[in-house]
């Protein structure tokens, strides 16, 4: 699995003009299941992200996790994170998991993150979504599980 994490002060996702998920302070997590992923990766990625210390403590240092600040997560599926741009100008997505496997991994990741006590909002797998955010910092981190 691959994730792109953005520390946000607010984020939301809409489908057909209707907001289907929104959070305040926390993380926007764009996730992509890859072909070689094993069934244990969503839980491992959720555990890593829940403990990732990217929020400022009283001294202004990135020393607090999502759980520490009582933040929320907005989880959005994004198969384009699997883009291969090594040849030509048109990205290829052949390393992304097939839609059925990708959706299963996406749902598992959301459940695993919520089971860790993180409030989770989400997008809709496979939908054309409009994502809005206020990136805090900015802080953006790429993770491969």
C-alpha atoms as a PDB file:
ATOM      1  CA  UNK A   1       0.000   0.000   0.000  1.00  0.00           C
ATOM      2  CA  UNK A   2       1.032   3.519  -0.651  1.00  0.00           C
ATOM      3  CA  UNK A   3      -0.149   6.630   1.185  1.00  0.00           C
ATOM      4  CA  UNK A   4       0.313  10.339   0.819  1.00  0.00           C
ATOM      5  CA  UNK A   5      -0.374  12.106   4.110  1.00  0.00           C
ATOM      6  CA  UNK A   6      -1.068  15.788   4.464  1.00  0.00           C
ATOM      7  CA  UNK A   7      -1.336  17.508   7.831  1.00  0.00           C
ATOM      8  CA  UNK A   8      -4.433  19.674   7.593  1.00  0.00           C
ATOM      9  CA  UNK A   9      -6.380  22.207   9.587  1.00  0.00           C
ATOM     10  CA  UNK A  10      -9.475  21.285   7.539  1.00  0.00           C
ATOM     11  CA  UNK A  11     -10.277  18.914   4.677  1.00  0.00           C
ATOM     12  CA  UNK A  12     -13.353  17.701   2.877  1.00  0.00           C
ATOM     13  CA  UNK A  13     -14.369  15.486  -0.019  1.00  0.00           C
ATOM     14  CA  UNK A  14     -17.394  15.893  -2.270  1.00  0.00           C
ATOM     15  CA  UNK A  15     -19.060  13.711  -4.894  1.00  0.00           C
ATOM     16  CA  UNK A  16     -21.484  15.294  -7.370  1.00  0.00           C
ATOM     17  CA  UNK A  17     -21.403  18.540  -5.394  1.00  0.00           C
ATOM     18  CA  UNK A  18     -22.365  16.875  -2.097  1.00  0.00           C
ATOM     19  CA  UNK A  19     -19.876  16.794   0.782  1.00  0.00           C
ATOM     20  CA  UNK A  20     -19.569  13.187   1.925  1.00  0.00           C
ATOM     21  CA  UNK A  21     -16.693  13.576   4.387  1.00  0.00           C
ATOM     22  CA  UNK A  22     -15.109  16.457   6.297  1.00  0.00           C
ATOM     23  CA  UNK A  23     -12.662  16.897   9.162  1.00  0.00           C
ATOM     24  CA  UNK A  24     -11.031  19.635  11.183  1.00  0.00           C
ATOM     25  CA  UNK A  25      -7.470  19.296  12.448  1.00  0.00           C
ATOM     26  CA  UNK A  26      -5.884  16.036  11.420  1.00  0.00           C
ATOM     27  CA  UNK A  27      -4.678  14.226   8.320  1.00  0.00           C
ATOM     28  CA  UNK A  28      -5.864  13.880   4.776  1.00  0.00           C
ATOM     29  CA  UNK A  29      -4.696  10.392   3.800  1.00  0.00           C
ATOM     30  CA  UNK A  30      -4.679   9.487   0.118  1.00  0.00           C
ATOM     31  CA  UNK A  31      -4.262   5.697  -0.207  1.00  0.00           C
ATOM     32  CA  UNK A  32      -3.559   3.282  -3.035  1.00  0.00           C
ATOM     33  CA  UNK A  33      -3.457  -0.494  -2.908  1.00  0.00           C
ATOM     34  CA  UNK A  34      -0.722  -2.053  -5.040  1.00  0.00           C
ATOM     35  CA  UNK A  35      -0.735  -5.406  -6.841  1.00  0.00           C
ATOM     36  CA  UNK A  36       1.816  -7.055  -4.535  1.00  0.00           C
ATOM     37  CA  UNK A  37       0.093  -6.012  -1.292  1.00  0.00           C
ATOM     38  CA  UNK A  38      -0.606  -8.645   1.327  1.00  0.00           C
ATOM     39  CA  UNK A  39      -3.688  -8.699   3.551  1.00  0.00           C
ATOM     40  CA  UNK A  40      -1.730  -7.500   6.611  1.00  0.00           C
ATOM     41  CA  UNK A  41      -0.626  -4.204   5.033  1.00  0.00           C
ATOM     42  CA  UNK A  42      -3.738  -2.091   5.755  1.00  0.00           C
ATOM     43  CA  UNK A  43      -3.383  -2.750   9.510  1.00  0.00           C
ATOM     44  CA  UNK A  44       0.368  -2.083   9.445  1.00  0.00           C
ATOM     45  CA  UNK A  45      -0.094   1.161   7.530  1.00  0.00           C
ATOM     46  CA  UNK A  46      -2.907   2.294   9.849  1.00  0.00           C
ATOM     47  CA  UNK A  47      -0.748   1.611  12.919  1.00  0.00           C
ATOM     48  CA  UNK A  48       2.205   3.520  11.427  1.00  0.00           C
ATOM     49  CA  UNK A  49       0.092   6.519  10.457  1.00  0.00           C
ATOM     50  CA  UNK A  50      -1.724   6.683  13.813  1.00  0.00           C
ATOM     51  CA  UNK A  51       1.650   6.976  15.583  1.00  0.00           C
ATOM     52  CA  UNK A  52       3.350   9.289  13.100  1.00  0.00           C
ATOM     53  CA  UNK A  53       4.523  12.324  15.061  1.00  0.00           C
ATOM     54  CA  UNK A  54       3.905  15.239  12.704  1.00  0.00           C
ATOM     55  CA  UNK A  55       1.961  17.639  14.938  1.00  0.00           C
ATOM     56  CA  UNK A  56       3.646  20.353  16.983  1.00  0.00           C
ATOM     57  CA  UNK A  57       4.043  20.065  20.732  1.00  0.00           C
ATOM     58  CA  UNK A  58       4.133  23.060  23.099  1.00  0.00           C
ATOM     59  CA  UNK A  59       7.737  23.737  22.067  1.00  0.00           C
ATOM     60  CA  UNK A  60       6.777  23.833  18.389  1.00  0.00           C
ATOM     61  CA  UNK A  61       8.505  20.555  17.520  1.00  0.00           C
ATOM     62  CA  UNK A  62       6.803  17.833  15.470  1.00  0.00           C
ATOM     63  CA  UNK A  63       6.427  15.457  18.385  1.00  0.00           C
ATOM     64  CA  UNK A  64       2.716  14.576  18.607  1.00  0.00           C
ATOM     65  CA  UNK A  65       0.674  11.957  16.790  1.00  0.00           C
ATOM     66  CA  UNK A  66      -2.840  12.087  15.426  1.00  0.00           C
ATOM     67  CA  UNK A  67      -4.039  10.231  18.519  1.00  0.00           C
ATOM     68  CA  UNK A  68      -2.128  12.634  20.817  1.00  0.00           C
ATOM     69  CA  UNK A  69      -3.948  15.685  19.428  1.00  0.00           C
ATOM     70  CA  UNK A  70      -7.360  14.023  19.193  1.00  0.00           C
ATOM     71  CA  UNK A  71      -7.334  14.630  15.452  1.00  0.00           C
ATOM     72  CA  UNK A  72      -9.356  13.012  12.684  1.00  0.00           C
ATOM     73  CA  UNK A  73      -8.500  11.372   9.376  1.00  0.00           C
ATOM     74  CA  UNK A  74     -10.085  11.928   5.990  1.00  0.00           C
ATOM     75  CA  UNK A  75      -9.225   8.829   3.944  1.00  0.00           C
ATOM     76  CA  UNK A  76      -9.534   9.042   0.165  1.00  0.00           C
ATOM     77  CA  UNK A  77      -8.725   6.278  -2.319  1.00  0.00           C
ATOM     78  CA  UNK A  78      -6.385   7.431  -5.077  1.00  0.00           C
ATOM     79  CA  UNK A  79      -5.122   4.832  -7.525  1.00  0.00           C
ATOM     80  CA  UNK A  80      -3.054   7.485  -9.299  1.00  0.00           C
ATOM     81  CA  UNK A  81      -0.484   7.157  -6.503  1.00  0.00           C
ATOM     82  CA  UNK A  82       0.605   4.046  -8.435  1.00  0.00           C
ATOM     83  CA  UNK A  83       1.543   6.162 -11.463  1.00  0.00           C
ATOM     84  CA  UNK A  84       4.588   5.026 -13.396  1.00  0.00           C
ATOM     85  CA  UNK A  85       6.054   7.958 -15.305  1.00  0.00           C
ATOM     86  CA  UNK A  86       9.316   6.291 -16.313  1.00  0.00           C
ATOM     87  CA  UNK A  87       8.330   6.011 -20.001  1.00  0.00           C
ATOM     88  CA  UNK A  88       6.830   8.758 -22.089  1.00  0.00           C
ATOM     89  CA  UNK A  89       4.466  11.450 -20.910  1.00  0.00           C
ATOM     90  CA  UNK A  90       1.383   9.389 -20.128  1.00  0.00           C
ATOM     91  CA  UNK A  91       1.453   7.721 -16.697  1.00  0.00           C
ATOM     92  CA  UNK A  92       0.762   4.008 -16.433  1.00  0.00           C
ATOM     93  CA  UNK A  93      -1.141   2.459 -13.536  1.00  0.00           C
ATOM     94  CA  UNK A  94      -0.462  -1.255 -14.037  1.00  0.00           C
ATOM     95  CA  UNK A  95       1.095  -1.620 -10.560  1.00  0.00           C
ATOM     96  CA  UNK A  96      -2.142  -0.575  -8.824  1.00  0.00           C
ATOM     97  CA  UNK A  97      -4.310  -3.344  -7.405  1.00  0.00           C
ATOM     98  CA  UNK A  98      -7.359  -4.415  -9.380  1.00  0.00           C
ATOM     99  CA  UNK A  99     -10.503  -2.491  -8.344  1.00  0.00           C
ATOM    100  CA  UNK A 100     -12.002  -5.288  -6.200  1.00  0.00           C
ATOM    101  CA  UNK A 101      -8.748  -5.842  -4.283  1.00  0.00           C
ATOM    102  CA  UNK A 102      -8.135  -2.089  -4.061  1.00  0.00           C
ATOM    103  CA  UNK A 103     -11.550  -1.453  -2.552  1.00  0.00           C
ATOM    104  CA  UNK A 104     -11.101  -4.285  -0.034  1.00  0.00           C
ATOM    105  CA  UNK A 105      -7.731  -2.864   1.071  1.00  0.00           C
ATOM    106  CA  UNK A 106      -9.193   0.665   1.261  1.00  0.00           C
ATOM    107  CA  UNK A 107     -12.101  -0.505   3.435  1.00  0.00           C
ATOM    108  CA  UNK A 108      -9.749  -2.529   5.643  1.00  0.00           C
ATOM    109  CA  UNK A 109      -7.438   0.461   6.094  1.00  0.00           C
ATOM    110  CA  UNK A 110     -10.337   2.697   7.171  1.00  0.00           C
ATOM    111  CA  UNK A 111     -11.585   0.063   9.631  1.00  0.00           C
ATOM    112  CA  UNK A 112      -8.100  -0.561  11.020  1.00  0.00           C
ATOM    113  CA  UNK A 113      -7.518   3.166  11.544  1.00  0.00           C
ATOM    114  CA  UNK A 114     -10.895   3.586  13.271  1.00  0.00           C
ATOM    115  CA  UNK A 115     -10.149   0.564  15.486  1.00  0.00           C
ATOM    116  CA  UNK A 116      -7.109   2.485  16.754  1.00  0.00           C
ATOM    117  CA  UNK A 117      -9.423   5.205  18.057  1.00  0.00           C
ATOM    118  CA  UNK A 118      -8.987   7.645  15.184  1.00  0.00           C
ATOM    119  CA  UNK A 119     -12.226   9.281  13.963  1.00  0.00           C
ATOM    120  CA  UNK A 120     -12.415   8.506  10.226  1.00  0.00           C
ATOM    121  CA  UNK A 121     -14.303  10.215   7.423  1.00  0.00           C
ATOM    122  CA  UNK A 122     -13.861   9.045   3.860  1.00  0.00           C
ATOM    123  CA  UNK A 123     -14.375   9.482   0.179  1.00  0.00           C
ATOM    124  CA  UNK A 124     -16.095   6.977  -2.097  1.00  0.00           C
ATOM    125  CA  UNK A 125     -13.968   4.333  -3.800  1.00  0.00           C
ATOM    126  CA  UNK A 126     -13.932   4.717  -7.579  1.00  0.00           C
ATOM    127  CA  UNK A 127     -15.909   7.963  -7.580  1.00  0.00           C
ATOM    128  CA  UNK A 128     -14.929  11.224  -9.234  1.00  0.00           C
ATOM    129  CA  UNK A 129     -14.214  13.227  -6.083  1.00  0.00           C
ATOM    130  CA  UNK A 130     -13.384  16.844  -5.353  1.00  0.00           C
ATOM    131  CA  UNK A 131     -11.009  17.119  -2.396  1.00  0.00           C
ATOM    132  CA  UNK A 132     -10.467  20.414  -0.581  1.00  0.00           C
ATOM    133  CA  UNK A 133      -7.925  21.019   2.133  1.00  0.00           C
ATOM    134  CA  UNK A 134      -5.977  23.562   4.051  1.00  0.00           C
ATOM    135  CA  UNK A 135      -2.520  22.025   4.313  1.00  0.00           C
ATOM    136  CA  UNK A 136      -1.025  22.917   7.685  1.00  0.00           C
ATOM    137  CA  UNK A 137       2.669  23.681   7.469  1.00  0.00           C
ATOM    138  CA  UNK A 138       2.689  22.492   4.739  1.00  0.00           C
ATOM    139  CA  UNK A 139       3.494  18.984   5.882  1.00  0.00           C
ATOM    140  CA  UNK A 140       3.189  16.254   3.253  1.00  0.00           C
ATOM    141  CA  UNK A 141       4.670  12.771   3.716  1.00  0.00           C
ATOM    142  CA  UNK A 142       4.874   9.790   1.341  1.00  0.00           C
ATOM    143  CA  UNK A 143       4.683   6.285   2.857  1.00  0.00           C
ATOM    144  CA  UNK A 144       5.109   2.910   1.198  1.00  0.00           C
ATOM    145  CA  UNK A 145       4.071  -0.079   3.297  1.00  0.00           C
END
